[in-house]
PDB file of N, CA and C in Angstrom:
ATOM      1  N   MET A   1      30.046 -39.509 -54.689  1.00  0.00           N
ATOM      2  CA  MET A   1      30.303 -38.743 -53.497  1.00  0.00           C
ATOM      3  C   MET A   1      29.859 -37.298 -53.748  1.00  0.00           C
ATOM      4  N   SER A   2      29.101 -36.719 -52.826  1.00  0.00           N
ATOM      5  CA  SER A   2      28.621 -35.358 -52.999  1.00  0.00           C
ATOM      6  C   SER A   2      29.512 -34.377 -52.236  1.00  0.00           C
ATOM      7  N   VAL A   3      29.542 -33.165 -52.717  1.00  0.00           N
ATOM      8  CA  VAL A   3      30.355 -32.120 -52.108  1.00  0.00           C
ATOM      9  C   VAL A   3      29.442 -31.234 -51.268  1.00  0.00           C
ATOM     10  N   ARG A   4      29.831 -30.971 -50.028  1.00  0.00           N
ATOM     11  CA  ARG A   4      29.030 -30.093 -49.152  1.00  0.00           C
ATOM     12  C   ARG A   4      29.288 -28.633 -49.502  1.00  0.00           C
ATOM     13  N   THR A   5      28.234 -27.888 -49.539  1.00  0.00           N
ATOM     14  CA  THR A   5      28.358 -26.445 -49.779  1.00  0.00           C
ATOM     15  C   THR A   5      28.165 -25.714 -48.462  1.00  0.00           C
ATOM     16  N   HIS A   6      28.711 -24.537 -48.383  1.00  0.00           N
ATOM     17  CA  HIS A   6      28.584 -23.737 -47.168  1.00  0.00           C
ATOM     18  C   HIS A   6      27.720 -22.519 -47.429  1.00  0.00           C
ATOM     19  N   HIS A   7      26.676 -22.705 -48.186  1.00  0.00           N
ATOM     20  CA  HIS A   7      25.743 -21.619 -48.484  1.00  0.00           C
ATOM     21  C   HIS A   7      24.806 -21.455 -47.294  1.00  0.00           C
ATOM     22  N   PRO A   8      24.507 -20.206 -46.854  1.00  0.00           N
ATOM     23  CA  PRO A   8      23.648 -20.006 -45.681  1.00  0.00           C
ATOM     24  C   PRO A   8      22.264 -20.637 -45.815  1.00  0.00           C
ATOM     25  N   ALA A   9      21.734 -20.700 -47.042  1.00  0.00           N
ATOM     26  CA  ALA A   9      20.403 -21.276 -47.219  1.00  0.00           C
ATOM     27  C   ALA A   9      20.408 -22.777 -46.969  1.00  0.00           C
ATOM     28  N   THR A  10      21.548 -23.425 -47.200  1.00  0.00           N
ATOM     29  CA  THR A  10      21.613 -24.878 -47.019  1.00  0.00           C
ATOM     30  C   THR A  10      22.095 -25.267 -45.634  1.00  0.00           C
ATOM     31  N   THR A  11      22.792 -24.370 -44.940  1.00  0.00           N
ATOM     32  CA  THR A  11      23.308 -24.717 -43.620  1.00  0.00           C
ATOM     33  C   THR A  11      22.327 -24.381 -42.512  1.00  0.00           C
ATOM     34  N   GLY A  12      21.268 -23.638 -42.815  1.00  0.00           N
ATOM     35  CA  GLY A  12      20.293 -23.282 -41.799  1.00  0.00           C
ATOM     36  C   GLY A  12      20.687 -22.068 -40.987  1.00  0.00           C
ATOM     37  N   ALA A  13      21.727 -21.372 -41.387  1.00  0.00           N
ATOM     38  CA  ALA A  13      22.162 -20.176 -40.672  1.00  0.00           C
ATOM     39  C   ALA A  13      21.164 -19.045 -40.897  1.00  0.00           C
ATOM     40  N   ASP A  14      21.024 -18.221 -39.884  1.00  0.00           N
ATOM     41  CA  ASP A  14      20.106 -17.089 -39.964  1.00  0.00           C
ATOM     42  C   ASP A  14      20.846 -15.921 -40.608  1.00  0.00           C
ATOM     43  N   GLY A  15      20.784 -15.832 -41.939  1.00  0.00           N
ATOM     44  CA  GLY A  15      21.534 -14.826 -42.665  1.00  0.00           C
ATOM     45  C   GLY A  15      20.925 -13.439 -42.602  1.00  0.00           C
ATOM     46  N   THR A  16      19.606 -13.333 -42.693  1.00  0.00           N
ATOM     47  CA  THR A  16      18.959 -12.033 -42.664  1.00  0.00           C
ATOM     48  C   THR A  16      17.848 -12.049 -41.637  1.00  0.00           C
ATOM     49  N   ARG A  17      17.682 -10.914 -40.985  1.00  0.00           N
ATOM     50  CA  ARG A  17      16.613 -10.770 -40.000  1.00  0.00           C
ATOM     51  C   ARG A  17      15.789  -9.556 -40.371  1.00  0.00           C
ATOM     52  N   LEU A  18      14.504  -9.689 -40.265  1.00  0.00           N
ATOM     53  CA  LEU A  18      13.605  -8.582 -40.543  1.00  0.00           C
ATOM     54  C   LEU A  18      13.453  -7.717 -39.302  1.00  0.00           C
ATOM     55  N   PRO A  19      13.288  -6.406 -39.478  1.00  0.00           N
ATOM     56  CA  PRO A  19      13.007  -5.567 -38.313  1.00  0.00           C
ATOM     57  C   PRO A  19      11.596  -5.862 -37.787  1.00  0.00           C
ATOM     58  N   TRP A  20      11.315  -5.438 -36.557  1.00  0.00           N
ATOM     59  CA  TRP A  20      10.032  -5.745 -35.923  1.00  0.00           C
ATOM     60  C   TRP A  20       8.864  -5.162 -36.706  1.00  0.00           C
ATOM     61  N   TRP A  21       9.044  -4.001 -37.332  1.00  0.00           N
ATOM     62  CA  TRP A  21       7.928  -3.359 -38.013  1.00  0.00           C
ATOM     63  C   TRP A  21       7.608  -4.026 -39.349  1.00  0.00           C
ATOM     64  N   ALA A  22       8.511  -4.854 -39.864  1.00  0.00           N
ATOM     65  CA  ALA A  22       8.245  -5.553 -41.120  1.00  0.00           C
ATOM     66  C   ALA A  22       7.116  -6.567 -40.956  1.00  0.00           C
ATOM     67  N   LEU A  23       6.896  -7.025 -39.766  1.00  0.00           N
ATOM     68  CA  LEU A  23       5.773  -7.916 -39.482  1.00  0.00           C
ATOM     69  C   LEU A  23       4.625  -7.161 -38.825  1.00  0.00           C
ATOM     70  N   ALA A  24       4.951  -6.167 -37.998  1.00  0.00           N
ATOM     71  CA  ALA A  24       3.919  -5.463 -37.239  1.00  0.00           C
ATOM     72  C   ALA A  24       3.020  -4.605 -38.136  1.00  0.00           C
ATOM     73  N   LEU A  25       3.575  -3.934 -39.130  1.00  0.00           N
ATOM     74  CA  LEU A  25       2.758  -3.060 -39.975  1.00  0.00           C
ATOM     75  C   LEU A  25       1.739  -3.815 -40.820  1.00  0.00           C
ATOM     76  N   PRO A  26       2.101  -4.909 -41.487  1.00  0.00           N
ATOM     77  CA  PRO A  26       1.074  -5.659 -42.216  1.00  0.00           C
ATOM     78  C   PRO A  26      -0.002  -6.243 -41.299  1.00  0.00           C
ATOM     79  N   VAL A  27       0.398  -6.690 -40.104  1.00  0.00           N
ATOM     80  CA  VAL A  27      -0.582  -7.223 -39.157  1.00  0.00           C
ATOM     81  C   VAL A  27      -1.528  -6.115 -38.707  1.00  0.00           C
ATOM     82  N   LEU A  28      -1.002  -4.942 -38.435  1.00  0.00           N
ATOM     83  CA  LEU A  28      -1.834  -3.811 -38.029  1.00  0.00           C
ATOM     84  C   LEU A  28      -2.789  -3.401 -39.146  1.00  0.00           C
ATOM     85  N   ALA A  29      -2.286  -3.317 -40.377  1.00  0.00           N
ATOM     86  CA  ALA A  29      -3.143  -2.951 -41.509  1.00  0.00           C
ATOM     87  C   ALA A  29      -4.238  -3.988 -41.724  1.00  0.00           C
ATOM     88  N   PHE A  30      -3.897  -5.262 -41.621  1.00  0.00           N
ATOM     89  CA  PHE A  30      -4.891  -6.315 -41.781  1.00  0.00           C
ATOM     90  C   PHE A  30      -5.950  -6.221 -40.693  1.00  0.00           C
ATOM     91  N   THR A  31      -5.536  -5.962 -39.466  1.00  0.00           N
ATOM     92  CA  THR A  31      -6.478  -5.864 -38.352  1.00  0.00           C
ATOM     93  C   THR A  31      -7.431  -4.685 -38.528  1.00  0.00           C
ATOM     94  N   ILE A  32      -6.905  -3.552 -38.965  1.00  0.00           N
ATOM     95  CA  ILE A  32      -7.756  -2.374 -39.182  1.00  0.00           C
ATOM     96  C   ILE A  32      -8.740  -2.617 -40.311  1.00  0.00           C
ATOM     97  N   LEU A  33      -8.273  -3.186 -41.416  1.00  0.00           N
ATOM     98  CA  LEU A  33      -9.179  -3.461 -42.534  1.00  0.00           C
ATOM     99  C   LEU A  33     -10.234  -4.499 -42.164  1.00  0.00           C
ATOM    100  N   LEU A  34      -9.848  -5.490 -41.396  1.00  0.00           N
ATOM    101  CA  LEU A  34     -10.814  -6.492 -40.954  1.00  0.00           C
ATOM    102  C   LEU A  34     -11.860  -5.859 -40.043  1.00  0.00           C
ATOM    103  N   ALA A  35     -11.439  -4.954 -39.169  1.00  0.00           N
ATOM    104  CA  ALA A  35     -12.383  -4.271 -38.289  1.00  0.00           C
ATOM    105  C   ALA A  35     -13.354  -3.412 -39.095  1.00  0.00           C
ATOM    106  N   LEU A  36     -12.863  -2.767 -40.150  1.00  0.00           N
ATOM    107  CA  LEU A  36     -13.748  -1.951 -40.985  1.00  0.00           C
ATOM    108  C   LEU A  36     -14.735  -2.802 -41.769  1.00  0.00           C
ATOM    109  N   ILE A  37     -14.301  -3.985 -42.178  1.00  0.00           N
ATOM    110  CA  ILE A  37     -15.212  -4.882 -42.890  1.00  0.00           C
ATOM    111  C   ILE A  37     -16.292  -5.394 -41.946  1.00  0.00           C
ATOM    112  N   LEU A  38     -15.895  -5.740 -40.729  1.00  0.00           N
ATOM    113  CA  LEU A  38     -16.856  -6.287 -39.777  1.00  0.00           C
ATOM    114  C   LEU A  38     -17.807  -5.227 -39.229  1.00  0.00           C
ATOM    115  N   ASN A  39     -17.357  -3.976 -39.146  1.00  0.00           N
ATOM    116  CA  ASN A  39     -18.187  -2.901 -38.614  1.00  0.00           C
ATOM    117  C   ASN A  39     -18.064  -1.678 -39.531  1.00  0.00           C
ATOM    118  N   PRO A  40     -18.756  -1.676 -40.677  1.00  0.00           N
ATOM    119  CA  PRO A  40     -18.597  -0.573 -41.627  1.00  0.00           C
ATOM    120  C   PRO A  40     -19.170   0.758 -41.143  1.00  0.00           C
ATOM    121  N   SER A  41     -19.931   0.761 -40.074  1.00  0.00           N
ATOM    122  CA  SER A  41     -20.464   2.025 -39.569  1.00  0.00           C
ATOM    123  C   SER A  41     -19.363   2.909 -38.991  1.00  0.00           C
ATOM    124  N   GLU A  42     -18.214   2.328 -38.673  1.00  0.00           N
ATOM    125  CA  GLU A  42     -17.092   3.117 -38.155  1.00  0.00           C
ATOM    126  C   GLU A  42     -16.331   3.845 -39.263  1.00  0.00           C
ATOM    127  N   ALA A  43     -16.514   3.439 -40.493  1.00  0.00           N
ATOM    128  CA  ALA A  43     -15.820   4.078 -41.615  1.00  0.00           C
ATOM    129  C   ALA A  43     -16.624   5.299 -42.050  1.00  0.00           C
ATOM    130  N   HIS A  44     -16.021   6.455 -41.937  1.00  0.00           N
ATOM    131  CA  HIS A  44     -16.693   7.708 -42.287  1.00  0.00           C
ATOM    132  C   HIS A  44     -16.030   8.322 -43.517  1.00  0.00           C
ATOM    133  N   ALA A  45     -16.830   8.893 -44.363  1.00  0.00           N
ATOM    134  CA  ALA A  45     -16.299   9.572 -45.539  1.00  0.00           C
ATOM    135  C   ALA A  45     -15.731  10.925 -45.112  1.00  0.00           C
ATOM    136  N   ALA A  46     -14.712  11.352 -45.801  1.00  0.00           N
ATOM    137  CA  ALA A  46     -14.109  12.649 -45.513  1.00  0.00           C
ATOM    138  C   ALA A  46     -15.050  13.757 -45.964  1.00  0.00           C
ATOM    139  N   THR A  47     -15.133  14.790 -45.165  1.00  0.00           N
ATOM    140  CA  THR A  47     -15.995  15.923 -45.498  1.00  0.00           C
ATOM    141  C   THR A  47     -15.143  17.155 -45.700  1.00  0.00           C
ATOM    142  N   GLY A  48     -15.710  18.145 -46.321  1.00  0.00           N
ATOM    143  CA  GLY A  48     -14.993  19.386 -46.534  1.00  0.00           C
ATOM    144  C   GLY A  48     -14.315  19.430 -47.887  1.00  0.00           C
ATOM    145  N   GLU A  49     -13.428  20.417 -48.037  1.00  0.00           N
ATOM    146  CA  GLU A  49     -12.726  20.602 -49.302  1.00  0.00           C
ATOM    147  C   GLU A  49     -11.704  19.493 -49.506  1.00  0.00           C
ATOM    148  N   PRO A  50     -11.630  18.955 -50.703  1.00  0.00           N
ATOM    149  CA  PRO A  50     -10.642  17.904 -50.959  1.00  0.00           C
ATOM    150  C   PRO A  50      -9.219  18.445 -50.820  1.00  0.00           C
ATOM    151  N   VAL A  51      -8.430  17.792 -50.030  1.00  0.00           N
ATOM    152  CA  VAL A  51      -7.067  18.243 -49.754  1.00  0.00           C
ATOM    153  C   VAL A  51      -6.196  18.119 -50.995  1.00  0.00           C
ATOM    154  N   LEU A  52      -6.364  17.036 -51.746  1.00  0.00           N
ATOM    155  CA  LEU A  52      -5.541  16.820 -52.933  1.00  0.00           C
ATOM    156  C   LEU A  52      -5.786  17.904 -53.977  1.00  0.00           C
ATOM    157  N   ALA A  53      -7.041  18.281 -54.173  1.00  0.00           N
ATOM    158  CA  ALA A  53      -7.361  19.333 -55.140  1.00  0.00           C
ATOM    159  C   ALA A  53      -6.742  20.662 -54.704  1.00  0.00           C
ATOM    160  N   HIS A  54      -6.778  20.936 -53.412  1.00  0.00           N
ATOM    161  CA  HIS A  54      -6.179  22.173 -52.898  1.00  0.00           C
ATOM    162  C   HIS A  54      -4.663  22.169 -53.087  1.00  0.00           C
ATOM    163  N   LEU A  55      -4.032  21.028 -52.849  1.00  0.00           N
ATOM    164  CA  LEU A  55      -2.584  20.913 -53.026  1.00  0.00           C
ATOM    165  C   LEU A  55      -2.188  21.105 -54.483  1.00  0.00           C
ATOM    166  N   VAL A  56      -2.925  20.498 -55.399  1.00  0.00           N
ATOM    167  CA  VAL A  56      -2.641  20.646 -56.824  1.00  0.00           C
ATOM    168  C   VAL A  56      -2.815  22.097 -57.255  1.00  0.00           C
ATOM    169  N   GLU A  57      -3.830  22.747 -56.724  1.00  0.00           N
ATOM    170  CA  GLU A  57      -4.054  24.164 -57.058  1.00  0.00           C
ATOM    171  C   GLU A  57      -2.903  25.030 -56.553  1.00  0.00           C
ATOM    172  N   GLN A  58      -2.406  24.765 -55.351  1.00  0.00           N
ATOM    173  CA  GLN A  58      -1.273  25.526 -54.817  1.00  0.00           C
ATOM    174  C   GLN A  58      -0.014  25.304 -55.653  1.00  0.00           C
ATOM    175  N   ILE A  59       0.237  24.082 -56.074  1.00  0.00           N
ATOM    176  CA  ILE A  59       1.405  23.784 -56.916  1.00  0.00           C
ATOM    177  C   ILE A  59       1.277  24.493 -58.252  1.00  0.00           C
ATOM    178  N   ARG A  60       0.067  24.500 -58.817  1.00  0.00           N
ATOM    179  CA  ARG A  60      -0.151  25.164 -60.104  1.00  0.00           C
ATOM    180  C   ARG A  60       0.104  26.662 -59.994  1.00  0.00           C
ATOM    181  N   THR A  61      -0.362  27.292 -58.918  1.00  0.00           N
ATOM    182  CA  THR A  61      -0.148  28.736 -58.754  1.00  0.00           C
ATOM    183  C   THR A  61       1.331  29.057 -58.549  1.00  0.00           C
ATOM    184  N   LEU A  62       2.067  28.162 -57.881  1.00  0.00           N
ATOM    185  CA  LEU A  62       3.497  28.401 -57.706  1.00  0.00           C
ATOM    186  C   LEU A  62       4.259  28.259 -59.016  1.00  0.00           C
ATOM    187  N   LEU A  63       3.826  27.334 -59.875  1.00  0.00           N
ATOM    188  CA  LEU A  63       4.513  27.133 -61.136  1.00  0.00           C
ATOM    189  C   LEU A  63       4.205  28.240 -62.142  1.00  0.00           C
ATOM    190  N   VAL A  64       3.047  28.862 -62.024  1.00  0.00           N
ATOM    191  CA  VAL A  64       2.651  29.903 -62.972  1.00  0.00           C
ATOM    192  C   VAL A  64       3.428  31.181 -62.734  1.00  0.00           C
ATOM    193  N   ARG A  65       3.822  31.456 -61.514  1.00  0.00           N
ATOM    194  CA  ARG A  65       4.536  32.703 -61.179  1.00  0.00           C
ATOM    195  C   ARG A  65       5.815  32.822 -61.880  1.00  0.00           C
TER     196      ARG A  65
END
């Protein structure tokens, strides 16, 4: 004779629910990347001064003071 358990995974109860963006964000990212693969002419390289280098330089000057 087997004993029944009342664990949510075995009873089919909906124990956890994901928010809407937990599915929407990966779908959106996949769609954008797929569009860039299919039409690479839309992907443009960034021009101008690198933002990261400027940020690191500003942090360095603040730490030196």
